[in-house]
Amino acid sequence: STDAVNLLLYKNGSLFAYLAVLTDKINFVGQGSVIDQANGTDTYEVYVDSDTDTSYQVQGLTTTTWFEGAMI
């Protein structure tokens, strides 16, 4: 069975964007992109959440889990 897992992006402490991804509880791959006009004082945080199963654990390795931004 599959459940929805949410990737939540917060900007300066407020929800800015989210992505809902379906997972089979074993393998979870989520990716997305957001374009934003930021200044030098903005901060960003990424969270993973599930409404259907609170037992999920994020166990990302540094080689397979990352968050990045770029100036364009």
C-alpha atoms as a PDB file:
ATOM      1  CA  SER A   1       0.000   0.000   0.000  1.00  0.00           C
ATOM      2  CA  THR A   2       1.093   3.583  -0.468  1.00  0.00           C
ATOM      3  CA  ASP A   3       0.851   6.609   1.802  1.00  0.00           C
ATOM      4  CA  ALA A   4       1.343  10.303   1.146  1.00  0.00           C
ATOM      5  CA  VAL A   5       4.441  11.901   2.603  1.00  0.00           C
ATOM      6  CA  ASN A   6       4.814  15.676   2.529  1.00  0.00           C
ATOM      7  CA  LEU A   7       8.031  17.587   1.932  1.00  0.00           C
ATOM      8  CA  LEU A   8       7.556  21.017   3.505  1.00  0.00           C
ATOM      9  CA  LEU A   9       9.723  24.045   2.740  1.00  0.00           C
ATOM     10  CA  TYR A  10       9.672  26.880   5.258  1.00  0.00           C
ATOM     11  CA  LYS A  11      11.013  30.352   4.525  1.00  0.00           C
ATOM     12  CA  ASN A  12      11.780  32.590   7.495  1.00  0.00           C
ATOM     13  CA  GLY A  13       9.702  30.354   9.783  1.00  0.00           C
ATOM     14  CA  SER A  14       6.553  30.239   7.609  1.00  0.00           C
ATOM     15  CA  LEU A  15       5.341  27.513   5.250  1.00  0.00           C
ATOM     16  CA  PHE A  16       6.444  28.517   1.766  1.00  0.00           C
ATOM     17  CA  ALA A  17       5.922  25.419  -0.419  1.00  0.00           C
ATOM     18  CA  TYR A  18       5.158  21.723  -0.117  1.00  0.00           C
ATOM     19  CA  LEU A  19       5.297  18.589  -2.218  1.00  0.00           C
ATOM     20  CA  ALA A  20       3.153  15.505  -1.574  1.00  0.00           C
ATOM     21  CA  VAL A  21       4.835  12.239  -2.596  1.00  0.00           C
ATOM     22  CA  LEU A  22       3.464   8.692  -2.512  1.00  0.00           C
ATOM     23  CA  THR A  23       5.663   6.093  -0.831  1.00  0.00           C
ATOM     24  CA  ASP A  24       5.488   2.342  -0.386  1.00  0.00           C
ATOM     25  CA  LYS A  25       6.850   2.679   3.191  1.00  0.00           C
ATOM     26  CA  ILE A  26      10.138   1.059   2.174  1.00  0.00           C
ATOM     27  CA  ASN A  27      11.610   3.342  -0.446  1.00  0.00           C
ATOM     28  CA  PHE A  28      10.990   7.052  -0.505  1.00  0.00           C
ATOM     29  CA  VAL A  29      12.289   9.381  -3.164  1.00  0.00           C
ATOM     30  CA  GLY A  30      11.100  12.950  -3.170  1.00  0.00           C
ATOM     31  CA  GLN A  31      12.329  15.825  -5.199  1.00  0.00           C
ATOM     32  CA  GLY A  32      11.022  19.154  -6.320  1.00  0.00           C
ATOM     33  CA  SER A  33      12.076  22.626  -7.252  1.00  0.00           C
ATOM     34  CA  VAL A  34      10.995  26.084  -6.167  1.00  0.00           C
ATOM     35  CA  ILE A  35      12.017  29.439  -7.583  1.00  0.00           C
ATOM     36  CA  ASP A  36      12.073  32.282  -5.087  1.00  0.00           C
ATOM     37  CA  GLN A  37      13.379  35.809  -4.926  1.00  0.00           C
ATOM     38  CA  ALA A  38      15.461  35.749  -1.751  1.00  0.00           C
ATOM     39  CA  ASN A  39      17.651  38.276  -0.001  1.00  0.00           C
ATOM     40  CA  GLY A  40      20.768  37.770   2.097  1.00  0.00           C
ATOM     41  CA  THR A  41      18.833  37.351   5.364  1.00  0.00           C
ATOM     42  CA  ASP A  42      16.246  34.731   4.316  1.00  0.00           C
ATOM     43  CA  THR A  43      16.446  31.310   5.948  1.00  0.00           C
ATOM     44  CA  TYR A  44      15.022  28.018   4.669  1.00  0.00           C
ATOM     45  CA  GLU A  45      14.135  24.772   6.454  1.00  0.00           C
ATOM     46  CA  VAL A  46      12.957  21.446   5.008  1.00  0.00           C
ATOM     47  CA  TYR A  47      10.699  19.021   6.907  1.00  0.00           C
ATOM     48  CA  VAL A  48       9.214  15.610   6.133  1.00  0.00           C
ATOM     49  CA  ASP A  49       5.729  14.835   7.455  1.00  0.00           C
ATOM     50  CA  SER A  50       3.082  12.142   7.034  1.00  0.00           C
ATOM     51  CA  ASP A  51      -0.601  12.498   7.855  1.00  0.00           C
ATOM     52  CA  THR A  52      -1.254   8.768   7.551  1.00  0.00           C
ATOM     53  CA  ASP A  53       1.650   7.126   9.393  1.00  0.00           C
ATOM     54  CA  THR A  54       3.514   8.746  12.279  1.00  0.00           C
ATOM     55  CA  SER A  55       6.029   5.889  12.510  1.00  0.00           C
ATOM     56  CA  TYR A  56       8.098   7.064   9.512  1.00  0.00           C
ATOM     57  CA  GLN A  57      11.729   7.796  10.285  1.00  0.00           C
ATOM     58  CA  VAL A  58      14.047   9.886   8.153  1.00  0.00           C
ATOM     59  CA  GLN A  59      17.312   8.019   7.839  1.00  0.00           C
ATOM     60  CA  GLY A  60      19.078   9.865   5.083  1.00  0.00           C
ATOM     61  CA  LEU A  61      22.752   9.406   4.399  1.00  0.00           C
ATOM     62  CA  THR A  62      24.895  12.417   3.552  1.00  0.00           C
ATOM     63  CA  THR A  63      25.528  10.845   0.161  1.00  0.00           C
ATOM     64  CA  THR A  64      21.810  10.498  -0.669  1.00  0.00           C
ATOM     65  CA  THR A  65      20.065  13.323   1.224  1.00  0.00           C
ATOM     66  CA  TRP A  66      20.637  16.978   0.459  1.00  0.00           C
ATOM     67  CA  PHE A  67      19.122  20.405   0.076  1.00  0.00           C
ATOM     68  CA  GLU A  68      20.675  23.015  -2.159  1.00  0.00           C
ATOM     69  CA  GLY A  69      20.056  26.463  -3.486  1.00  0.00           C
ATOM     70  CA  ALA A  70      21.575  28.527  -6.254  1.00  0.00           C
ATOM     71  CA  MET A  71      21.511  32.139  -7.345  1.00  0.00           C
ATOM     72  CA  ILE A  72      20.186  32.549 -10.861  1.00  0.00           C
END
